[in-house]
Amino acid sequence: MRNLDKLEVFRYADRLAIEVYRTTASLPVAEKYGLVTQMRRAAVSVVSNIAEGSARNSDTDFARFLEIALGSARELSDQLHFTDRLNLAQAELAMASALCEECTRMLAALLKTLRSRMKRMG
C-alpha cells in the first residue's frame, strides 16, 4: 500500500476536484444536470482512482487505476475546453484547466515510470 500523502499527483488531483466544484458553481443553472454533473464526476474519478489504486498491493493493480484516473483527467480536460468554447465560464476555467493539464502530465509520467519498473522486474 502506498502513502497518499507522498503522492504529489494525488494532491494535485485533490486540488483539481475542489477547483472543478468551485468553477462549475458559476455555470448556468441549465447546465446543472449536463456539464456540471459530468465535470464533477470526472474530477472526483481522478482523485478517487488514484486513492483506490494506491491501496492495492501490486504495481499492476496500481497502474490499472492510474490508467482510469488518466482517462478521467483527459475527459475532464475535454469538458473544460468545451465549456470554454461555449463561453460559459472563461475566467473561472483558467485555474481548473491548468490543474487538469498538470495532473494529466503527472499521471502519464507516473504511469510511464511504474511500467518501466514493472518491465525491469519481469
PDB file of N, CA and C in Angstrom:
ATOM      1  N   MET A   1       0.843  -1.174   0.000  1.00  0.00           N
ATOM      2  CA  MET A   1       0.000   0.000   0.000  1.00  0.00           C
ATOM      3  C   MET A   1       0.894   1.245   0.000  1.00  0.00           C
ATOM      4  N   ARG A   2       0.507   2.217  -0.821  1.00  0.00           N
ATOM      5  CA  ARG A   2       1.289   3.443  -0.942  1.00  0.00           C
ATOM      6  C   ARG A   2       0.707   4.535  -0.051  1.00  0.00           C
ATOM      7  N   ASN A   3       1.554   5.426   0.401  1.00  0.00           N
ATOM      8  CA  ASN A   3       1.134   6.535   1.237  1.00  0.00           C
ATOM      9  C   ASN A   3       0.635   7.674   0.346  1.00  0.00           C
ATOM     10  N   LEU A   4      -0.653   7.981   0.412  1.00  0.00           N
ATOM     11  CA  LEU A   4      -1.221   9.038  -0.424  1.00  0.00           C
ATOM     12  C   LEU A   4      -0.574  10.393  -0.179  1.00  0.00           C
ATOM     13  N   ASP A   5      -0.171  10.637   1.068  1.00  0.00           N
ATOM     14  CA  ASP A   5       0.443  11.924   1.389  1.00  0.00           C
ATOM     15  C   ASP A   5       1.751  12.144   0.640  1.00  0.00           C
ATOM     16  N   LYS A   6       2.370  11.064   0.199  1.00  0.00           N
ATOM     17  CA  LYS A   6       3.636  11.174  -0.515  1.00  0.00           C
ATOM     18  C   LYS A   6       3.446  11.251  -2.033  1.00  0.00           C
ATOM     19  N   LEU A   7       2.226  11.055  -2.501  1.00  0.00           N
ATOM     20  CA  LEU A   7       1.959  11.108  -3.939  1.00  0.00           C
ATOM     21  C   LEU A   7       1.542  12.524  -4.336  1.00  0.00           C
ATOM     22  N   GLU A   8       2.464  13.229  -4.953  1.00  0.00           N
ATOM     23  CA  GLU A   8       2.182  14.601  -5.365  1.00  0.00           C
ATOM     24  C   GLU A   8       1.006  14.666  -6.330  1.00  0.00           C
ATOM     25  N   VAL A   9       0.873  13.669  -7.188  1.00  0.00           N
ATOM     26  CA  VAL A   9      -0.226  13.657  -8.142  1.00  0.00           C
ATOM     27  C   VAL A   9      -1.578  13.576  -7.422  1.00  0.00           C
ATOM     28  N   PHE A  10      -1.619  12.918  -6.275  1.00  0.00           N
ATOM     29  CA  PHE A  10      -2.861  12.854  -5.504  1.00  0.00           C
ATOM     30  C   PHE A  10      -3.227  14.250  -4.987  1.00  0.00           C
ATOM     31  N   ARG A  11      -2.237  14.980  -4.500  1.00  0.00           N
ATOM     32  CA  ARG A  11      -2.502  16.340  -4.003  1.00  0.00           C
ATOM     33  C   ARG A  11      -3.003  17.246  -5.127  1.00  0.00           C
ATOM     34  N   TYR A  12      -2.412  17.110  -6.325  1.00  0.00           N
ATOM     35  CA  TYR A  12      -2.878  17.893  -7.473  1.00  0.00           C
ATOM     36  C   TYR A  12      -4.302  17.495  -7.850  1.00  0.00           C
ATOM     37  N   ALA A  13      -4.569  16.209  -7.862  1.00  0.00           N
ATOM     38  CA  ALA A  13      -5.908  15.736  -8.220  1.00  0.00           C
ATOM     39  C   ALA A  13      -6.946  16.228  -7.217  1.00  0.00           C
ATOM     40  N   ASP A  14      -6.578  16.249  -5.953  1.00  0.00           N
ATOM     41  CA  ASP A  14      -7.480  16.740  -4.916  1.00  0.00           C
ATOM     42  C   ASP A  14      -7.774  18.228  -5.128  1.00  0.00           C
ATOM     43  N   ARG A  15      -6.739  19.000  -5.386  1.00  0.00           N
ATOM     44  CA  ARG A  15      -6.927  20.436  -5.678  1.00  0.00           C
ATOM     45  C   ARG A  15      -7.770  20.621  -6.930  1.00  0.00           C
ATOM     46  N   LEU A  16      -7.543  19.780  -7.921  1.00  0.00           N
ATOM     47  CA  LEU A  16      -8.309  19.847  -9.164  1.00  0.00           C
ATOM     48  C   LEU A  16      -9.795  19.625  -8.895  1.00  0.00           C
ATOM     49  N   ALA A  17     -10.127  18.600  -8.127  1.00  0.00           N
ATOM     50  CA  ALA A  17     -11.530  18.309  -7.836  1.00  0.00           C
ATOM     51  C   ALA A  17     -12.192  19.482  -7.118  1.00  0.00           C
ATOM     52  N   ILE A  18     -11.496  20.057  -6.157  1.00  0.00           N
ATOM     53  CA  ILE A  18     -12.052  21.212  -5.433  1.00  0.00           C
ATOM     54  C   ILE A  18     -12.250  22.388  -6.378  1.00  0.00           C
ATOM     55  N   GLU A  19     -11.275  22.622  -7.240  1.00  0.00           N
ATOM     56  CA  GLU A  19     -11.372  23.736  -8.190  1.00  0.00           C
ATOM     57  C   GLU A  19     -12.512  23.517  -9.192  1.00  0.00           C
ATOM     58  N   VAL A  20     -12.710  22.285  -9.612  1.00  0.00           N
ATOM     59  CA  VAL A  20     -13.807  21.995 -10.540  1.00  0.00           C
ATOM     60  C   VAL A  20     -15.146  22.261  -9.865  1.00  0.00           C
ATOM     61  N   TYR A  21     -15.278  21.882  -8.610  1.00  0.00           N
ATOM     62  CA  TYR A  21     -16.516  22.177  -7.887  1.00  0.00           C
ATOM     63  C   TYR A  21     -16.741  23.689  -7.812  1.00  0.00           C
ATOM     64  N   ARG A  22     -15.691  24.439  -7.542  1.00  0.00           N
ATOM     65  CA  ARG A  22     -15.817  25.905  -7.489  1.00  0.00           C
ATOM     66  C   ARG A  22     -16.182  26.473  -8.854  1.00  0.00           C
ATOM     67  N   THR A  23     -15.493  26.010  -9.874  1.00  0.00           N
ATOM     68  CA  THR A  23     -15.715  26.514 -11.225  1.00  0.00           C
ATOM     69  C   THR A  23     -17.118  26.205 -11.712  1.00  0.00           C
ATOM     70  N   THR A  24     -17.562  24.993 -11.502  1.00  0.00           N
ATOM     71  CA  THR A  24     -18.879  24.607 -12.020  1.00  0.00           C
ATOM     72  C   THR A  24     -20.015  25.301 -11.282  1.00  0.00           C
ATOM     73  N   ALA A  25     -19.754  25.811 -10.091  1.00  0.00           N
ATOM     74  CA  ALA A  25     -20.791  26.548  -9.362  1.00  0.00           C
ATOM     75  C   ALA A  25     -21.196  27.815 -10.114  1.00  0.00           C
ATOM     76  N   SER A  26     -20.301  28.314 -10.964  1.00  0.00           N
ATOM     77  CA  SER A  26     -20.592  29.544 -11.707  1.00  0.00           C
ATOM     78  C   SER A  26     -21.235  29.280 -13.076  1.00  0.00           C
ATOM     79  N   LEU A  27     -21.383  28.014 -13.436  1.00  0.00           N
ATOM     80  CA  LEU A  27     -22.008  27.707 -14.725  1.00  0.00           C
ATOM     81  C   LEU A  27     -23.514  27.962 -14.666  1.00  0.00           C
ATOM     82  N   PRO A  28     -24.130  28.181 -15.814  1.00  0.00           N
ATOM     83  CA  PRO A  28     -25.579  28.429 -15.830  1.00  0.00           C
ATOM     84  C   PRO A  28     -26.361  27.270 -15.216  1.00  0.00           C
ATOM     85  N   VAL A  29     -27.471  27.594 -14.586  1.00  0.00           N
ATOM     86  CA  VAL A  29     -28.330  26.588 -13.953  1.00  0.00           C
ATOM     87  C   VAL A  29     -28.771  25.539 -14.973  1.00  0.00           C
ATOM     88  N   ALA A  30     -28.922  25.935 -16.221  1.00  0.00           N
ATOM     89  CA  ALA A  30     -29.336  24.998 -17.273  1.00  0.00           C
ATOM     90  C   ALA A  30     -28.338  23.862 -17.452  1.00  0.00           C
ATOM     91  N   GLU A  31     -27.102  24.042 -16.995  1.00  0.00           N
ATOM     92  CA  GLU A  31     -26.061  23.015 -17.125  1.00  0.00           C
ATOM     93  C   GLU A  31     -25.928  22.140 -15.885  1.00  0.00           C
ATOM     94  N   LYS A  32     -26.789  22.344 -14.903  1.00  0.00           N
ATOM     95  CA  LYS A  32     -26.683  21.608 -13.644  1.00  0.00           C
ATOM     96  C   LYS A  32     -26.652  20.096 -13.853  1.00  0.00           C
ATOM     97  N   TYR A  33     -27.463  19.592 -14.753  1.00  0.00           N
ATOM     98  CA  TYR A  33     -27.527  18.144 -14.985  1.00  0.00           C
ATOM     99  C   TYR A  33     -26.776  17.726 -16.246  1.00  0.00           C
ATOM    100  N   GLY A  34     -26.057  18.647 -16.830  1.00  0.00           N
ATOM    101  CA  GLY A  34     -25.264  18.365 -18.020  1.00  0.00           C
ATOM    102  C   GLY A  34     -23.788  18.447 -17.699  1.00  0.00           C
ATOM    103  N   LEU A  35     -23.183  19.533 -18.114  1.00  0.00           N
ATOM    104  CA  LEU A  35     -21.744  19.706 -17.923  1.00  0.00           C
ATOM    105  C   LEU A  35     -21.329  19.701 -16.460  1.00  0.00           C
ATOM    106  N   VAL A  36     -22.105  20.328 -15.607  1.00  0.00           N
ATOM    107  CA  VAL A  36     -21.718  20.402 -14.191  1.00  0.00           C
ATOM    108  C   VAL A  36     -21.567  19.004 -13.614  1.00  0.00           C
ATOM    109  N   THR A  37     -22.559  18.173 -13.807  1.00  0.00           N
ATOM    110  CA  THR A  37     -22.515  16.808 -13.269  1.00  0.00           C
ATOM    111  C   THR A  37     -21.368  16.014 -13.873  1.00  0.00           C
ATOM    112  N   GLN A  38     -21.199  16.100 -15.174  1.00  0.00           N
ATOM    113  CA  GLN A  38     -20.146  15.340 -15.848  1.00  0.00           C
ATOM    114  C   GLN A  38     -18.756  15.773 -15.402  1.00  0.00           C
ATOM    115  N   MET A  39     -18.551  17.077 -15.298  1.00  0.00           N
ATOM    116  CA  MET A  39     -17.235  17.584 -14.912  1.00  0.00           C
ATOM    117  C   MET A  39     -16.903  17.212 -13.472  1.00  0.00           C
ATOM    118  N   ARG A  40     -17.887  17.316 -12.603  1.00  0.00           N
ATOM    119  CA  ARG A  40     -17.646  16.961 -11.201  1.00  0.00           C
ATOM    120  C   ARG A  40     -17.355  15.473 -11.054  1.00  0.00           C
ATOM    121  N   ARG A  41     -18.094  14.648 -11.761  1.00  0.00           N
ATOM    122  CA  ARG A  41     -17.851  13.200 -11.690  1.00  0.00           C
ATOM    123  C   ARG A  41     -16.472  12.850 -12.212  1.00  0.00           C
ATOM    124  N   ALA A  42     -16.062  13.460 -13.311  1.00  0.00           N
ATOM    125  CA  ALA A  42     -14.736  13.179 -13.879  1.00  0.00           C
ATOM    126  C   ALA A  42     -13.639  13.603 -12.904  1.00  0.00           C
ATOM    127  N   ALA A  43     -13.795  14.788 -12.302  1.00  0.00           N
ATOM    128  CA  ALA A  43     -12.781  15.281 -11.363  1.00  0.00           C
ATOM    129  C   ALA A  43     -12.673  14.380 -10.138  1.00  0.00           C
ATOM    130  N   VAL A  44     -13.802  13.963  -9.605  1.00  0.00           N
ATOM    131  CA  VAL A  44     -13.793  13.079  -8.438  1.00  0.00           C
ATOM    132  C   VAL A  44     -13.242  11.709  -8.823  1.00  0.00           C
ATOM    133  N   SER A  45     -13.504  11.274 -10.044  1.00  0.00           N
ATOM    134  CA  SER A  45     -12.983   9.994 -10.515  1.00  0.00           C
ATOM    135  C   SER A  45     -11.455  10.001 -10.539  1.00  0.00           C
ATOM    136  N   VAL A  46     -10.868  11.111 -10.929  1.00  0.00           N
ATOM    137  CA  VAL A  46      -9.402  11.201 -10.966  1.00  0.00           C
ATOM    138  C   VAL A  46      -8.828  10.948  -9.581  1.00  0.00           C
ATOM    139  N   VAL A  47      -9.266  11.720  -8.607  1.00  0.00           N
ATOM    140  CA  VAL A  47      -8.711  11.611  -7.256  1.00  0.00           C
ATOM    141  C   VAL A  47      -9.085  10.275  -6.612  1.00  0.00           C
ATOM    142  N   SER A  48     -10.287   9.800  -6.859  1.00  0.00           N
ATOM    143  CA  SER A  48     -10.737   8.539  -6.255  1.00  0.00           C
ATOM    144  C   SER A  48      -9.963   7.341  -6.783  1.00  0.00           C
ATOM    145  N   ASN A  49      -9.683   7.326  -8.078  1.00  0.00           N
ATOM    146  CA  ASN A  49      -8.950   6.195  -8.649  1.00  0.00           C
ATOM    147  C   ASN A  49      -7.487   6.184  -8.231  1.00  0.00           C
ATOM    148  N   ILE A  50      -6.903   7.357  -8.037  1.00  0.00           N
ATOM    149  CA  ILE A  50      -5.539   7.395  -7.504  1.00  0.00           C
ATOM    150  C   ILE A  50      -5.546   6.821  -6.091  1.00  0.00           C
ATOM    151  N   ALA A  51      -6.521   7.228  -5.295  1.00  0.00           N
ATOM    152  CA  ALA A  51      -6.612   6.746  -3.911  1.00  0.00           C
ATOM    153  C   ALA A  51      -6.846   5.240  -3.874  1.00  0.00           C
ATOM    154  N   GLU A  52      -7.791   4.761  -4.668  1.00  0.00           N
ATOM    155  CA  GLU A  52      -8.081   3.328  -4.656  1.00  0.00           C
ATOM    156  C   GLU A  52      -6.894   2.520  -5.155  1.00  0.00           C
ATOM    157  N   GLY A  53      -6.258   2.982  -6.207  1.00  0.00           N
ATOM    158  CA  GLY A  53      -5.101   2.275  -6.737  1.00  0.00           C
ATOM    159  C   GLY A  53      -3.943   2.226  -5.763  1.00  0.00           C
ATOM    160  N   SER A  54      -3.778   3.300  -5.001  1.00  0.00           N
ATOM    161  CA  SER A  54      -2.672   3.331  -4.047  1.00  0.00           C
ATOM    162  C   SER A  54      -2.851   2.310  -2.934  1.00  0.00           C
ATOM    163  N   ALA A  55      -4.071   1.877  -2.705  1.00  0.00           N
ATOM    164  CA  ALA A  55      -4.347   0.887  -1.656  1.00  0.00           C
ATOM    165  C   ALA A  55      -4.141  -0.549  -2.141  1.00  0.00           C
ATOM    166  N   ARG A  56      -3.897  -0.712  -3.422  1.00  0.00           N
ATOM    167  CA  ARG A  56      -3.683  -2.047  -3.969  1.00  0.00           C
ATOM    168  C   ARG A  56      -2.264  -2.510  -3.700  1.00  0.00           C
ATOM    169  N   ASN A  57      -2.109  -3.809  -3.617  1.00  0.00           N
ATOM    170  CA  ASN A  57      -0.802  -4.368  -3.253  1.00  0.00           C
ATOM    171  C   ASN A  57       0.160  -4.524  -4.429  1.00  0.00           C
ATOM    172  N   SER A  58      -0.360  -4.578  -5.640  1.00  0.00           N
ATOM    173  CA  SER A  58       0.542  -4.818  -6.768  1.00  0.00           C
ATOM    174  C   SER A  58       0.670  -3.576  -7.650  1.00  0.00           C
ATOM    175  N   ASP A  59       1.827  -3.478  -8.292  1.00  0.00           N
ATOM    176  CA  ASP A  59       2.045  -2.386  -9.240  1.00  0.00           C
ATOM    177  C   ASP A  59       1.083  -2.495 -10.417  1.00  0.00           C
ATOM    178  N   THR A  60       0.744  -3.713 -10.805  1.00  0.00           N
ATOM    179  CA  THR A  60      -0.178  -3.925 -11.915  1.00  0.00           C
ATOM    180  C   THR A  60      -1.547  -3.324 -11.593  1.00  0.00           C
ATOM    181  N   ASP A  61      -2.045  -3.585 -10.400  1.00  0.00           N
ATOM    182  CA  ASP A  61      -3.334  -3.023  -9.994  1.00  0.00           C
ATOM    183  C   ASP A  61      -3.249  -1.501  -9.878  1.00  0.00           C
ATOM    184  N   PHE A  62      -2.167  -1.019  -9.293  1.00  0.00           N
ATOM    185  CA  PHE A  62      -1.987   0.423  -9.158  1.00  0.00           C
ATOM    186  C   PHE A  62      -1.982   1.080 -10.532  1.00  0.00           C
ATOM    187  N   ALA A  63      -1.270   0.493 -11.483  1.00  0.00           N
ATOM    188  CA  ALA A  63      -1.210   1.038 -12.842  1.00  0.00           C
ATOM    189  C   ALA A  63      -2.589   1.058 -13.492  1.00  0.00           C
ATOM    190  N   ARG A  64      -3.372   0.021 -13.261  1.00  0.00           N
ATOM    191  CA  ARG A  64      -4.722  -0.041 -13.845  1.00  0.00           C
ATOM    192  C   ARG A  64      -5.574   1.125 -13.340  1.00  0.00           C
ATOM    193  N   PHE A  65      -5.504   1.422 -12.055  1.00  0.00           N
ATOM    194  CA  PHE A  65      -6.283   2.531 -11.500  1.00  0.00           C
ATOM    195  C   PHE A  65      -5.738   3.882 -11.955  1.00  0.00           C
ATOM    196  N   LEU A  66      -4.427   3.973 -12.137  1.00  0.00           N
ATOM    197  CA  LEU A  66      -3.858   5.205 -12.669  1.00  0.00           C
ATOM    198  C   LEU A  66      -4.314   5.439 -14.104  1.00  0.00           C
ATOM    199  N   GLU A  67      -4.441   4.364 -14.877  1.00  0.00           N
ATOM    200  CA  GLU A  67      -4.950   4.490 -16.246  1.00  0.00           C
ATOM    201  C   GLU A  67      -6.376   5.024 -16.257  1.00  0.00           C
ATOM    202  N   ILE A  68      -7.191   4.542 -15.343  1.00  0.00           N
ATOM    203  CA  ILE A  68      -8.573   5.028 -15.237  1.00  0.00           C
ATOM    204  C   ILE A  68      -8.571   6.499 -14.841  1.00  0.00           C
ATOM    205  N   ALA A  69      -7.718   6.858 -13.888  1.00  0.00           N
ATOM    206  CA  ALA A  69      -7.611   8.260 -13.459  1.00  0.00           C
ATOM    207  C   ALA A  69      -7.166   9.144 -14.622  1.00  0.00           C
ATOM    208  N   LEU A  70      -6.216   8.654 -15.406  1.00  0.00           N
ATOM    209  CA  LEU A  70      -5.737   9.408 -16.568  1.00  0.00           C
ATOM    210  C   LEU A  70      -6.856   9.599 -17.585  1.00  0.00           C
ATOM    211  N   GLY A  71      -7.634   8.562 -17.819  1.00  0.00           N
ATOM    212  CA  GLY A  71      -8.766   8.678 -18.739  1.00  0.00           C
ATOM    213  C   GLY A  71      -9.769   9.715 -18.252  1.00  0.00           C
ATOM    214  N   SER A  72     -10.042   9.718 -16.967  1.00  0.00           N
ATOM    215  CA  SER A  72     -10.963  10.702 -16.399  1.00  0.00           C
ATOM    216  C   SER A  72     -10.393  12.115 -16.498  1.00  0.00           C
ATOM    217  N   ALA A  73      -9.093  12.253 -16.305  1.00  0.00           N
ATOM    218  CA  ALA A  73      -8.456  13.568 -16.423  1.00  0.00           C
ATOM    219  C   ALA A  73      -8.554  14.086 -17.856  1.00  0.00           C
ATOM    220  N   ARG A  74      -8.380  13.207 -18.811  1.00  0.00           N
ATOM    221  CA  ARG A  74      -8.493  13.628 -20.222  1.00  0.00           C
ATOM    222  C   ARG A  74      -9.941  13.960 -20.578  1.00  0.00           C
ATOM    223  N   GLU A  75     -10.865  13.201 -20.021  1.00  0.00           N
ATOM    224  CA  GLU A  75     -12.284  13.501 -20.211  1.00  0.00           C
ATOM    225  C   GLU A  75     -12.590  14.889 -19.642  1.00  0.00           C
ATOM    226  N   LEU A  76     -12.124  15.157 -18.441  1.00  0.00           N
ATOM    227  CA  LEU A  76     -12.348  16.451 -17.809  1.00  0.00           C
ATOM    228  C   LEU A  76     -11.714  17.575 -18.619  1.00  0.00           C
ATOM    229  N   SER A  77     -10.522  17.341 -19.130  1.00  0.00           N
ATOM    230  CA  SER A  77      -9.848  18.342 -19.950  1.00  0.00           C
ATOM    231  C   SER A  77     -10.708  18.718 -21.146  1.00  0.00           C
ATOM    232  N   ASP A  78     -11.274  17.729 -21.806  1.00  0.00           N
ATOM    233  CA  ASP A  78     -12.139  17.998 -22.951  1.00  0.00           C
ATOM    234  C   ASP A  78     -13.388  18.774 -22.526  1.00  0.00           C
ATOM    235  N   GLN A  79     -13.955  18.417 -21.392  1.00  0.00           N
ATOM    236  CA  GLN A  79     -15.139  19.119 -20.903  1.00  0.00           C
ATOM    237  C   GLN A  79     -14.821  20.573 -20.561  1.00  0.00           C
ATOM    238  N   LEU A  80     -13.650  20.811 -20.000  1.00  0.00           N
ATOM    239  CA  LEU A  80     -13.230  22.181 -19.696  1.00  0.00           C
ATOM    240  C   LEU A  80     -13.057  22.987 -20.986  1.00  0.00           C
ATOM    241  N   HIS A  81     -12.444  22.369 -21.993  1.00  0.00           N
ATOM    242  CA  HIS A  81     -12.284  23.053 -23.279  1.00  0.00           C
ATOM    243  C   HIS A  81     -13.639  23.305 -23.938  1.00  0.00           C
ATOM    244  N   PHE A  82     -14.531  22.359 -23.835  1.00  0.00           N
ATOM    245  CA  PHE A  82     -15.875  22.508 -24.400  1.00  0.00           C
ATOM    246  C   PHE A  82     -16.597  23.669 -23.724  1.00  0.00           C
ATOM    247  N   THR A  83     -16.493  23.740 -22.411  1.00  0.00           N
ATOM    248  CA  THR A  83     -17.114  24.825 -21.648  1.00  0.00           C
ATOM    249  C   THR A  83     -16.530  26.166 -22.071  1.00  0.00           C
ATOM    250  N   ASP A  84     -15.234  26.193 -22.294  1.00  0.00           N
ATOM    251  CA  ASP A  84     -14.570  27.413 -22.760  1.00  0.00           C
ATOM    252  C   ASP A  84     -15.084  27.811 -24.142  1.00  0.00           C
ATOM    253  N   ARG A  85     -15.193  26.838 -25.046  1.00  0.00           N
ATOM    254  CA  ARG A  85     -15.675  27.129 -26.401  1.00  0.00           C
ATOM    255  C   ARG A  85     -17.113  27.633 -26.401  1.00  0.00           C
ATOM    256  N   LEU A  86     -17.897  27.236 -25.410  1.00  0.00           N
ATOM    257  CA  LEU A  86     -19.275  27.720 -25.290  1.00  0.00           C
ATOM    258  C   LEU A  86     -19.344  29.083 -24.594  1.00  0.00           C
ATOM    259  N   ASN A  87     -18.175  29.589 -24.161  1.00  0.00           N
ATOM    260  CA  ASN A  87     -18.092  30.875 -23.459  1.00  0.00           C
ATOM    261  C   ASN A  87     -18.950  30.897 -22.191  1.00  0.00           C
ATOM    262  N   LEU A  88     -18.948  29.799 -21.453  1.00  0.00           N
ATOM    263  CA  LEU A  88     -19.797  29.709 -20.264  1.00  0.00           C
ATOM    264  C   LEU A  88     -19.132  30.233 -18.998  1.00  0.00           C
ATOM    265  N   ALA A  89     -17.855  30.026 -18.843  1.00  0.00           N
ATOM    266  CA  ALA A  89     -17.187  30.443 -17.599  1.00  0.00           C
ATOM    267  C   ALA A  89     -15.705  30.643 -17.850  1.00  0.00           C
ATOM    268  N   GLN A  90     -15.374  31.459 -18.827  1.00  0.00           N
ATOM    269  CA  GLN A  90     -13.981  31.589 -19.256  1.00  0.00           C
ATOM    270  C   GLN A  90     -13.028  32.003 -18.143  1.00  0.00           C
ATOM    271  N   ALA A  91     -13.375  33.008 -17.384  1.00  0.00           N
ATOM    272  CA  ALA A  91     -12.462  33.496 -16.346  1.00  0.00           C
ATOM    273  C   ALA A  91     -12.224  32.429 -15.282  1.00  0.00           C
ATOM    274  N   GLU A  92     -13.263  31.712 -14.924  1.00  0.00           N
ATOM    275  CA  GLU A  92     -13.164  30.715 -13.863  1.00  0.00           C
ATOM    276  C   GLU A  92     -12.432  29.446 -14.309  1.00  0.00           C
ATOM    277  N   LEU A  93     -12.347  29.217 -15.596  1.00  0.00           N
ATOM    278  CA  LEU A  93     -11.765  27.981 -16.120  1.00  0.00           C
ATOM    279  C   LEU A  93     -10.243  27.920 -16.055  1.00  0.00           C
ATOM    280  N   ALA A  94      -9.597  29.040 -15.986  1.00  0.00           N
ATOM    281  CA  ALA A  94      -8.136  29.071 -16.110  1.00  0.00           C
ATOM    282  C   ALA A  94      -7.441  28.184 -15.086  1.00  0.00           C
ATOM    283  N   MET A  95      -7.795  28.307 -13.818  1.00  0.00           N
ATOM    284  CA  MET A  95      -7.134  27.520 -12.771  1.00  0.00           C
ATOM    285  C   MET A  95      -7.451  26.040 -12.919  1.00  0.00           C
ATOM    286  N   ALA A  96      -8.713  25.705 -13.156  1.00  0.00           N
ATOM    287  CA  ALA A  96      -9.090  24.294 -13.311  1.00  0.00           C
ATOM    288  C   ALA A  96      -8.382  23.680 -14.512  1.00  0.00           C
ATOM    289  N   SER A  97      -8.311  24.415 -15.596  1.00  0.00           N
ATOM    290  CA  SER A  97      -7.636  23.902 -16.796  1.00  0.00           C
ATOM    291  C   SER A  97      -6.149  23.674 -16.550  1.00  0.00           C
ATOM    292  N   ALA A  98      -5.507  24.609 -15.862  1.00  0.00           N
ATOM    293  CA  ALA A  98      -4.073  24.472 -15.562  1.00  0.00           C
ATOM    294  C   ALA A  98      -3.828  23.277 -14.646  1.00  0.00           C
ATOM    295  N   LEU A  99      -4.659  23.128 -13.619  1.00  0.00           N
ATOM    296  CA  LEU A  99      -4.512  21.986 -12.709  1.00  0.00           C
ATOM    297  C   LEU A  99      -4.764  20.669 -13.442  1.00  0.00           C
ATOM    298  N   CYS A 100      -5.747  20.655 -14.319  1.00  0.00           N
ATOM    299  CA  CYS A 100      -6.060  19.441 -15.069  1.00  0.00           C
ATOM    300  C   CYS A 100      -4.897  19.059 -15.994  1.00  0.00           C
ATOM    301  N   GLU A 101      -4.337  20.045 -16.651  1.00  0.00           N
ATOM    302  CA  GLU A 101      -3.193  19.795 -17.542  1.00  0.00           C
ATOM    303  C   GLU A 101      -2.015  19.226 -16.769  1.00  0.00           C
ATOM    304  N   GLU A 102      -1.719  19.822 -15.621  1.00  0.00           N
ATOM    305  CA  GLU A 102      -0.586  19.356 -14.812  1.00  0.00           C
ATOM    306  C   GLU A 102      -0.862  17.967 -14.240  1.00  0.00           C
ATOM    307  N   CYS A 103      -2.074  17.735 -13.791  1.00  0.00           N
ATOM    308  CA  CYS A 103      -2.439  16.436 -13.236  1.00  0.00           C
ATOM    309  C   CYS A 103      -2.330  15.343 -14.316  1.00  0.00           C
ATOM    310  N   THR A 104      -2.782  15.652 -15.516  1.00  0.00           N
ATOM    311  CA  THR A 104      -2.689  14.713 -16.633  1.00  0.00           C
ATOM    312  C   THR A 104      -1.231  14.386 -16.939  1.00  0.00           C
ATOM    313  N   ARG A 105      -0.386  15.414 -16.960  1.00  0.00           N
ATOM    314  CA  ARG A 105       1.037  15.221 -17.223  1.00  0.00           C
ATOM    315  C   ARG A 105       1.669  14.350 -16.138  1.00  0.00           C
ATOM    316  N   MET A 106       1.331  14.630 -14.890  1.00  0.00           N
ATOM    317  CA  MET A 106       1.899  13.878 -13.769  1.00  0.00           C
ATOM    318  C   MET A 106       1.441  12.418 -13.783  1.00  0.00           C
ATOM    319  N   LEU A 107       0.174  12.196 -14.084  1.00  0.00           N
ATOM    320  CA  LEU A 107      -0.334  10.815 -14.159  1.00  0.00           C
ATOM    321  C   LEU A 107       0.378  10.031 -15.262  1.00  0.00           C
ATOM    322  N   ALA A 108       0.542  10.653 -16.424  1.00  0.00           N
ATOM    323  CA  ALA A 108       1.218   9.986 -17.540  1.00  0.00           C
ATOM    324  C   ALA A 108       2.664   9.659 -17.170  1.00  0.00           C
ATOM    325  N   ALA A 109       3.337  10.587 -16.497  1.00  0.00           N
ATOM    326  CA  ALA A 109       4.729  10.354 -16.097  1.00  0.00           C
ATOM    327  C   ALA A 109       4.826   9.246 -15.051  1.00  0.00           C
ATOM    328  N   LEU A 110       3.915   9.255 -14.078  1.00  0.00           N
ATOM    329  CA  LEU A 110       3.921   8.212 -13.054  1.00  0.00           C
ATOM    330  C   LEU A 110       3.652   6.846 -13.668  1.00  0.00           C
ATOM    331  N   LEU A 111       2.704   6.785 -14.591  1.00  0.00           N
ATOM    332  CA  LEU A 111       2.417   5.518 -15.270  1.00  0.00           C
ATOM    333  C   LEU A 111       3.629   5.026 -16.051  1.00  0.00           C
ATOM    334  N   LYS A 112       4.296   5.922 -16.745  1.00  0.00           N
ATOM    335  CA  LYS A 112       5.477   5.548 -17.522  1.00  0.00           C
ATOM    336  C   LYS A 112       6.559   4.984 -16.602  1.00  0.00           C
ATOM    337  N   THR A 113       6.795   5.646 -15.479  1.00  0.00           N
ATOM    338  CA  THR A 113       7.794   5.187 -14.512  1.00  0.00           C
ATOM    339  C   THR A 113       7.404   3.834 -13.926  1.00  0.00           C
ATOM    340  N   LEU A 114       6.154   3.685 -13.575  1.00  0.00           N
ATOM    341  CA  LEU A 114       5.664   2.436 -12.993  1.00  0.00           C
ATOM    342  C   LEU A 114       5.784   1.282 -13.982  1.00  0.00           C
ATOM    343  N   ARG A 115       5.402   1.528 -15.228  1.00  0.00           N
ATOM    344  CA  ARG A 115       5.504   0.479 -16.255  1.00  0.00           C
ATOM    345  C   ARG A 115       6.955   0.087 -16.509  1.00  0.00           C
ATOM    346  N   SER A 116       7.833   1.085 -16.506  1.00  0.00           N
ATOM    347  CA  SER A 116       9.255   0.815 -16.693  1.00  0.00           C
ATOM    348  C   SER A 116       9.789  -0.063 -15.567  1.00  0.00           C
ATOM    349  N   ARG A 117       9.395   0.245 -14.344  1.00  0.00           N
ATOM    350  CA  ARG A 117       9.821  -0.544 -13.203  1.00  0.00           C
ATOM    351  C   ARG A 117       9.256  -1.960 -13.284  1.00  0.00           C
ATOM    352  N   MET A 118       8.013  -2.083 -13.709  1.00  0.00           N
ATOM    353  CA  MET A 118       7.394  -3.420 -13.829  1.00  0.00           C
ATOM    354  C   MET A 118       8.115  -4.239 -14.893  1.00  0.00           C
ATOM    355  N   LYS A 119       8.550  -3.613 -15.981  1.00  0.00           N
ATOM    356  CA  LYS A 119       9.290  -4.322 -17.036  1.00  0.00           C
ATOM    357  C   LYS A 119      10.622  -4.838 -16.524  1.00  0.00           C
ATOM    358  N   ARG A 120      11.320  -3.976 -15.789  1.00  0.00           N
ATOM    359  CA  ARG A 120      12.635  -4.368 -15.259  1.00  0.00           C
ATOM    360  C   ARG A 120      12.521  -5.526 -14.281  1.00  0.00           C
ATOM    361  N   MET A 121      11.431  -5.540 -13.531  1.00  0.00           N
ATOM    362  CA  MET A 121      11.256  -6.584 -12.510  1.00  0.00           C
ATOM    363  C   MET A 121      10.726  -7.893 -13.121  1.00  0.00           C
ATOM    364  N   GLY A 122      10.319  -7.798 -14.370  1.00  0.00           N
ATOM    365  CA  GLY A 122       9.901  -9.026 -15.050  1.00  0.00           C
ATOM    366  C   GLY A 122       8.487  -9.273 -14.930  1.00  0.00           C
TER     367      GLY A 122
END
